[in-house]
N, C-alpha and C. Protein backbone atom coordinates (compact mmCIF):
# COMPACT_ATOMS: atom_id res chain seq x y z
N UNK A 1 96.89 82.27 123.33
CA UNK A 1 95.97 83.23 123.91
C UNK A 1 94.54 82.74 123.64
N UNK A 2 93.73 82.78 124.65
CA UNK A 2 92.32 82.43 124.50
C UNK A 2 91.51 83.72 124.49
N UNK A 3 90.71 83.87 123.48
CA UNK A 3 89.89 85.07 123.36
C UNK A 3 88.43 84.66 123.53
N UNK A 4 87.78 85.18 124.56
CA UNK A 4 86.42 84.73 124.89
C UNK A 4 85.42 85.03 123.78
N UNK A 5 85.53 86.20 123.15
CA UNK A 5 84.58 86.53 122.09
C UNK A 5 84.75 85.61 120.89
N UNK A 6 86.00 85.39 120.49
CA UNK A 6 86.25 84.51 119.35
C UNK A 6 85.84 83.08 119.66
N UNK A 7 86.07 82.64 120.89
CA UNK A 7 85.67 81.29 121.29
C UNK A 7 84.16 81.14 121.18
N UNK A 8 83.42 82.14 121.64
CA UNK A 8 81.95 82.08 121.56
C UNK A 8 81.48 82.04 120.11
N UNK A 9 82.10 82.85 119.25
CA UNK A 9 81.74 82.85 117.83
C UNK A 9 82.05 81.49 117.21
N UNK A 10 83.23 80.95 117.53
CA UNK A 10 83.62 79.65 117.00
C UNK A 10 82.66 78.55 117.46
N UNK A 11 82.31 78.57 118.75
CA UNK A 11 81.40 77.54 119.27
C UNK A 11 80.05 77.61 118.57
N UNK A 12 79.54 78.81 118.35
CA UNK A 12 78.26 78.96 117.66
C UNK A 12 78.36 78.47 116.22
N UNK A 13 79.37 78.94 115.50
CA UNK A 13 79.49 78.58 114.09
C UNK A 13 79.78 77.09 113.90
N UNK A 14 80.38 76.46 114.90
CA UNK A 14 80.64 75.02 114.82
C UNK A 14 79.36 74.20 114.81
N UNK A 15 78.26 74.81 115.24
CA UNK A 15 76.97 74.10 115.23
C UNK A 15 76.24 74.28 113.90
N UNK A 16 76.86 75.02 112.98
CA UNK A 16 76.25 75.28 111.67
C UNK A 16 77.13 74.67 110.58
N UNK A 17 76.60 74.56 109.39
CA UNK A 17 77.44 74.05 108.29
C UNK A 17 78.36 75.11 107.68
N UNK A 18 78.37 76.30 108.25
CA UNK A 18 79.16 77.40 107.69
C UNK A 18 80.65 77.22 107.97
N UNK A 19 81.48 77.26 106.93
CA UNK A 19 82.92 77.23 107.19
C UNK A 19 83.33 78.56 107.83
N UNK A 20 84.32 78.53 108.68
CA UNK A 20 84.73 79.76 109.35
C UNK A 20 86.16 79.66 109.85
N UNK A 21 86.71 80.82 110.09
CA UNK A 21 88.01 80.92 110.73
C UNK A 21 87.98 82.17 111.60
N UNK A 22 88.79 82.19 112.62
CA UNK A 22 88.83 83.34 113.52
C UNK A 22 90.22 83.97 113.43
N UNK A 23 90.25 85.28 113.40
CA UNK A 23 91.49 86.01 113.31
C UNK A 23 91.37 87.23 114.20
N UNK A 24 92.37 87.43 115.05
CA UNK A 24 92.34 88.59 115.94
C UNK A 24 93.71 89.24 115.93
N UNK A 25 93.73 90.54 115.78
CA UNK A 25 94.95 91.31 115.84
C UNK A 25 94.94 92.09 117.15
N UNK A 26 95.99 91.94 117.94
CA UNK A 26 96.08 92.62 119.24
C UNK A 26 96.91 93.88 119.03
N UNK A 27 96.35 95.01 119.44
CA UNK A 27 96.99 96.29 119.16
C UNK A 27 97.74 96.90 120.34
N UNK A 28 97.63 96.31 121.51
CA UNK A 28 98.30 96.91 122.66
C UNK A 28 98.91 95.84 123.55
N UNK A 29 99.78 96.26 124.41
CA UNK A 29 100.42 95.37 125.37
C UNK A 29 99.56 95.31 126.62
N UNK A 30 99.79 94.30 127.43
CA UNK A 30 99.04 94.14 128.67
C UNK A 30 99.22 95.37 129.56
N UNK A 31 100.41 95.95 129.52
CA UNK A 31 100.71 97.10 130.38
C UNK A 31 100.13 98.41 129.86
N UNK A 32 99.58 98.42 128.65
CA UNK A 32 99.03 99.64 128.06
C UNK A 32 97.75 100.05 128.77
N UNK A 33 97.70 101.30 129.19
CA UNK A 33 96.50 101.81 129.85
C UNK A 33 95.70 102.64 128.87
N UNK A 34 94.42 102.41 128.84
CA UNK A 34 93.52 103.15 127.97
C UNK A 34 93.32 104.56 128.52
N UNK A 35 93.45 105.56 127.67
CA UNK A 35 93.29 106.95 128.09
C UNK A 35 91.80 107.32 128.04
N UNK A 36 91.11 107.04 129.13
CA UNK A 36 89.66 107.28 129.16
C UNK A 36 89.31 108.75 129.05
N UNK A 37 90.15 109.64 129.58
CA UNK A 37 89.89 111.08 129.45
C UNK A 37 89.87 111.49 127.98
N UNK A 38 90.83 110.99 127.22
CA UNK A 38 90.90 111.31 125.80
C UNK A 38 89.69 110.75 125.06
N UNK A 39 89.34 109.52 125.36
CA UNK A 39 88.18 108.89 124.71
C UNK A 39 86.90 109.64 125.05
N UNK A 40 86.68 109.90 126.31
CA UNK A 40 85.46 110.59 126.73
C UNK A 40 85.36 112.00 126.16
N UNK A 41 86.50 112.66 125.98
CA UNK A 41 86.49 114.04 125.48
C UNK A 41 86.28 114.11 123.97
N UNK A 42 86.57 113.02 123.25
CA UNK A 42 86.60 113.12 121.79
C UNK A 42 85.70 112.13 121.06
N UNK A 43 85.10 111.21 121.75
CA UNK A 43 84.31 110.16 121.10
C UNK A 43 82.83 110.52 121.11
N UNK A 44 82.21 110.49 119.94
CA UNK A 44 80.77 110.75 119.82
C UNK A 44 80.04 109.40 119.82
N UNK A 45 79.31 109.13 120.90
CA UNK A 45 78.63 107.84 121.03
C UNK A 45 77.51 107.65 120.01
N UNK A 46 76.95 108.74 119.52
CA UNK A 46 75.87 108.64 118.53
C UNK A 46 76.38 108.17 117.17
N UNK A 47 77.57 108.65 116.79
CA UNK A 47 78.10 108.31 115.47
C UNK A 47 79.19 107.24 115.53
N UNK A 48 79.76 107.04 116.72
CA UNK A 48 80.86 106.10 116.85
C UNK A 48 82.16 106.63 116.28
N UNK A 49 82.23 107.93 116.12
CA UNK A 49 83.40 108.56 115.50
C UNK A 49 84.12 109.46 116.51
N UNK A 50 85.39 109.70 116.23
CA UNK A 50 86.16 110.67 117.01
C UNK A 50 85.86 112.05 116.43
N UNK A 51 85.57 113.01 117.29
CA UNK A 51 85.25 114.37 116.86
C UNK A 51 86.53 115.19 116.91
N UNK A 52 86.88 115.80 115.79
CA UNK A 52 88.17 116.46 115.63
C UNK A 52 88.38 117.65 116.56
N UNK A 53 87.41 118.57 116.64
CA UNK A 53 87.61 119.79 117.45
C UNK A 53 87.88 119.46 118.92
N UNK A 54 87.07 118.59 119.56
CA UNK A 54 87.39 118.25 120.95
C UNK A 54 88.73 117.52 121.08
N UNK A 55 89.11 116.75 120.07
CA UNK A 55 90.41 116.06 120.11
C UNK A 55 91.54 117.08 120.13
N UNK A 56 91.46 118.06 119.23
CA UNK A 56 92.51 119.09 119.17
C UNK A 56 92.55 119.87 120.49
N UNK A 57 91.39 120.25 121.01
CA UNK A 57 91.33 120.99 122.27
C UNK A 57 91.95 120.18 123.40
N UNK A 58 91.61 118.90 123.48
CA UNK A 58 92.13 118.04 124.54
C UNK A 58 93.65 117.90 124.43
N UNK A 59 94.17 117.76 123.21
CA UNK A 59 95.61 117.62 123.03
C UNK A 59 96.35 118.92 123.32
N UNK A 60 95.74 120.06 123.00
CA UNK A 60 96.36 121.34 123.34
C UNK A 60 96.43 121.54 124.85
N UNK A 61 95.41 121.06 125.55
CA UNK A 61 95.39 121.17 127.01
C UNK A 61 96.28 120.11 127.67
N UNK A 62 96.57 119.02 126.93
CA UNK A 62 97.35 117.90 127.48
C UNK A 62 98.41 117.47 126.46
N UNK A 63 99.41 118.33 126.19
CA UNK A 63 100.38 118.02 125.13
C UNK A 63 101.18 116.74 125.39
N UNK A 64 101.28 116.30 126.62
CA UNK A 64 102.00 115.07 126.92
C UNK A 64 101.31 113.83 126.32
N UNK A 65 100.08 113.99 125.85
CA UNK A 65 99.34 112.87 125.26
C UNK A 65 99.53 112.76 123.75
N UNK A 66 100.23 113.74 123.16
CA UNK A 66 100.41 113.74 121.70
C UNK A 66 101.31 112.58 121.26
N UNK A 67 102.47 112.43 121.89
CA UNK A 67 103.41 111.38 121.47
C UNK A 67 102.81 109.98 121.59
N UNK A 68 102.17 109.63 122.72
CA UNK A 68 101.54 108.30 122.77
C UNK A 68 100.47 108.10 121.70
N UNK A 69 99.75 109.16 121.36
CA UNK A 69 98.73 109.06 120.31
C UNK A 69 99.37 108.82 118.94
N UNK A 70 100.49 109.49 118.68
CA UNK A 70 101.20 109.29 117.41
C UNK A 70 101.73 107.85 117.34
N UNK A 71 102.29 107.36 118.45
CA UNK A 71 102.79 105.98 118.49
C UNK A 71 101.66 104.99 118.24
N UNK A 72 100.51 105.25 118.83
CA UNK A 72 99.37 104.37 118.63
C UNK A 72 98.95 104.37 117.16
N UNK A 73 98.96 105.54 116.53
CA UNK A 73 98.62 105.62 115.11
C UNK A 73 99.57 104.80 114.25
N UNK A 74 100.87 104.86 114.56
CA UNK A 74 101.85 104.07 113.82
C UNK A 74 101.62 102.57 114.02
N UNK A 75 101.29 102.20 115.26
CA UNK A 75 101.01 100.80 115.57
C UNK A 75 99.81 100.33 114.77
N UNK A 76 98.74 101.13 114.74
CA UNK A 76 97.53 100.74 113.99
C UNK A 76 97.83 100.60 112.50
N UNK A 77 98.66 101.49 111.96
CA UNK A 77 99.02 101.42 110.55
C UNK A 77 99.73 100.11 110.25
N UNK A 78 100.65 99.74 111.11
CA UNK A 78 101.37 98.48 110.95
C UNK A 78 100.43 97.28 111.08
N UNK A 79 99.50 97.37 112.03
CA UNK A 79 98.55 96.28 112.23
C UNK A 79 97.61 96.13 111.04
N UNK A 80 97.23 97.23 110.42
CA UNK A 80 96.38 97.17 109.22
C UNK A 80 97.08 96.37 108.12
N UNK A 81 98.37 96.62 107.95
CA UNK A 81 99.13 95.89 106.94
C UNK A 81 99.20 94.41 107.29
N UNK A 82 99.46 94.10 108.57
CA UNK A 82 99.52 92.70 109.02
C UNK A 82 98.18 92.01 108.80
N UNK A 83 97.10 92.71 109.11
CA UNK A 83 95.76 92.14 108.94
C UNK A 83 95.47 91.89 107.47
N UNK A 84 95.82 92.84 106.61
CA UNK A 84 95.58 92.68 105.17
C UNK A 84 96.36 91.47 104.64
N UNK A 85 97.61 91.31 105.08
CA UNK A 85 98.41 90.16 104.65
C UNK A 85 97.80 88.85 105.14
N UNK A 86 97.34 88.83 106.37
CA UNK A 86 96.73 87.61 106.92
C UNK A 86 95.46 87.25 106.15
N UNK A 87 94.65 88.23 105.85
CA UNK A 87 93.41 87.98 105.11
C UNK A 87 93.74 87.46 103.70
N UNK A 88 94.74 88.07 103.05
CA UNK A 88 95.14 87.61 101.72
C UNK A 88 95.58 86.15 101.76
N UNK A 89 96.34 85.76 102.79
CA UNK A 89 96.79 84.37 102.91
C UNK A 89 95.62 83.43 103.14
N UNK A 90 94.66 83.84 103.95
CA UNK A 90 93.49 83.00 104.21
C UNK A 90 92.68 82.82 102.93
N UNK A 91 92.44 83.92 102.22
CA UNK A 91 91.66 83.84 100.98
C UNK A 91 92.38 82.97 99.96
N UNK A 92 93.69 83.11 99.85
CA UNK A 92 94.46 82.28 98.91
C UNK A 92 94.35 80.81 99.31
N UNK A 93 94.46 80.51 100.60
CA UNK A 93 94.35 79.12 101.05
C UNK A 93 92.97 78.55 100.73
N UNK A 94 91.94 79.36 100.91
CA UNK A 94 90.57 78.92 100.60
C UNK A 94 90.45 78.68 99.09
N UNK A 95 90.95 79.63 98.29
CA UNK A 95 90.91 79.47 96.83
C UNK A 95 91.66 78.22 96.39
N UNK A 96 92.86 78.01 96.96
CA UNK A 96 93.66 76.84 96.60
C UNK A 96 92.94 75.54 96.97
N UNK A 97 92.31 75.51 98.14
CA UNK A 97 91.61 74.28 98.54
C UNK A 97 90.37 74.06 97.68
N UNK A 98 89.72 75.14 97.24
CA UNK A 98 88.58 75.01 96.34
C UNK A 98 89.02 74.43 95.00
N UNK A 99 90.17 74.89 94.50
CA UNK A 99 90.69 74.36 93.24
C UNK A 99 91.05 72.89 93.38
N UNK A 100 91.64 72.52 94.52
CA UNK A 100 91.98 71.12 94.76
C UNK A 100 90.72 70.25 94.75
N UNK A 101 89.65 70.75 95.39
CA UNK A 101 88.40 69.99 95.43
C UNK A 101 87.82 69.83 94.03
N UNK A 102 87.89 70.88 93.21
CA UNK A 102 87.37 70.81 91.84
C UNK A 102 88.15 69.80 91.01
N UNK A 103 89.48 69.73 91.23
CA UNK A 103 90.30 68.79 90.48
C UNK A 103 89.96 67.34 90.83
N UNK A 104 89.49 67.12 92.06
CA UNK A 104 89.19 65.77 92.51
C UNK A 104 87.73 65.38 92.32
N UNK A 105 86.93 66.28 91.75
CA UNK A 105 85.52 65.96 91.52
C UNK A 105 85.40 64.93 90.41
N UNK A 106 84.42 64.10 90.54
CA UNK A 106 84.10 63.14 89.50
C UNK A 106 83.47 63.92 88.34
N UNK A 107 83.74 63.55 87.07
CA UNK A 107 83.17 64.30 85.93
C UNK A 107 81.65 64.42 86.01
N UNK A 108 80.96 63.40 86.49
CA UNK A 108 79.50 63.49 86.61
C UNK A 108 79.10 64.55 87.63
N UNK A 109 79.88 64.67 88.72
CA UNK A 109 79.60 65.68 89.75
C UNK A 109 79.77 67.08 89.16
N UNK A 110 80.79 67.27 88.32
CA UNK A 110 81.05 68.57 87.73
C UNK A 110 79.90 68.96 86.79
N UNK A 111 79.39 67.99 86.01
CA UNK A 111 78.28 68.25 85.09
C UNK A 111 77.05 68.65 85.89
N UNK A 112 76.78 67.96 86.99
CA UNK A 112 75.63 68.27 87.83
C UNK A 112 75.78 69.68 88.42
N UNK A 113 77.00 70.01 88.86
CA UNK A 113 77.25 71.34 89.43
C UNK A 113 77.00 72.42 88.38
N UNK A 114 77.47 72.20 87.14
CA UNK A 114 77.29 73.19 86.07
C UNK A 114 75.81 73.40 85.76
N UNK A 115 75.01 72.34 85.84
CA UNK A 115 73.59 72.46 85.55
C UNK A 115 72.81 73.18 86.63
N UNK A 116 73.31 73.11 87.89
CA UNK A 116 72.57 73.69 88.99
C UNK A 116 73.05 75.08 89.36
N UNK A 117 74.22 75.50 88.86
CA UNK A 117 74.74 76.82 89.25
C UNK A 117 74.03 77.91 88.47
N UNK A 118 73.98 79.08 89.09
CA UNK A 118 73.32 80.22 88.45
C UNK A 118 74.29 81.02 87.63
């Protein structure tokens, strides 16, 4: 899968000395339709938050939307766990590679590093 936003970020960061990696979690299927009525009725653009009272009102008026919303919540919960595991693996890989680099440093390089670190 090619993700245009991630590609743009990668292309920009590739022009800098900053190490980087891109990770994207996809939460819906191609066939999934966004419920714009639900979003428009419950989303506060000023705060970026879902407003509870309009959400409850909208769901009471449209009970057929409750089950898909519950399914989406379960999907997000599962994706949060997947994302946390992926981040832990990336951090561990970075830590492991840092340790490998330290083991291969010349003793003079290590002394210089110790003198310059804060």
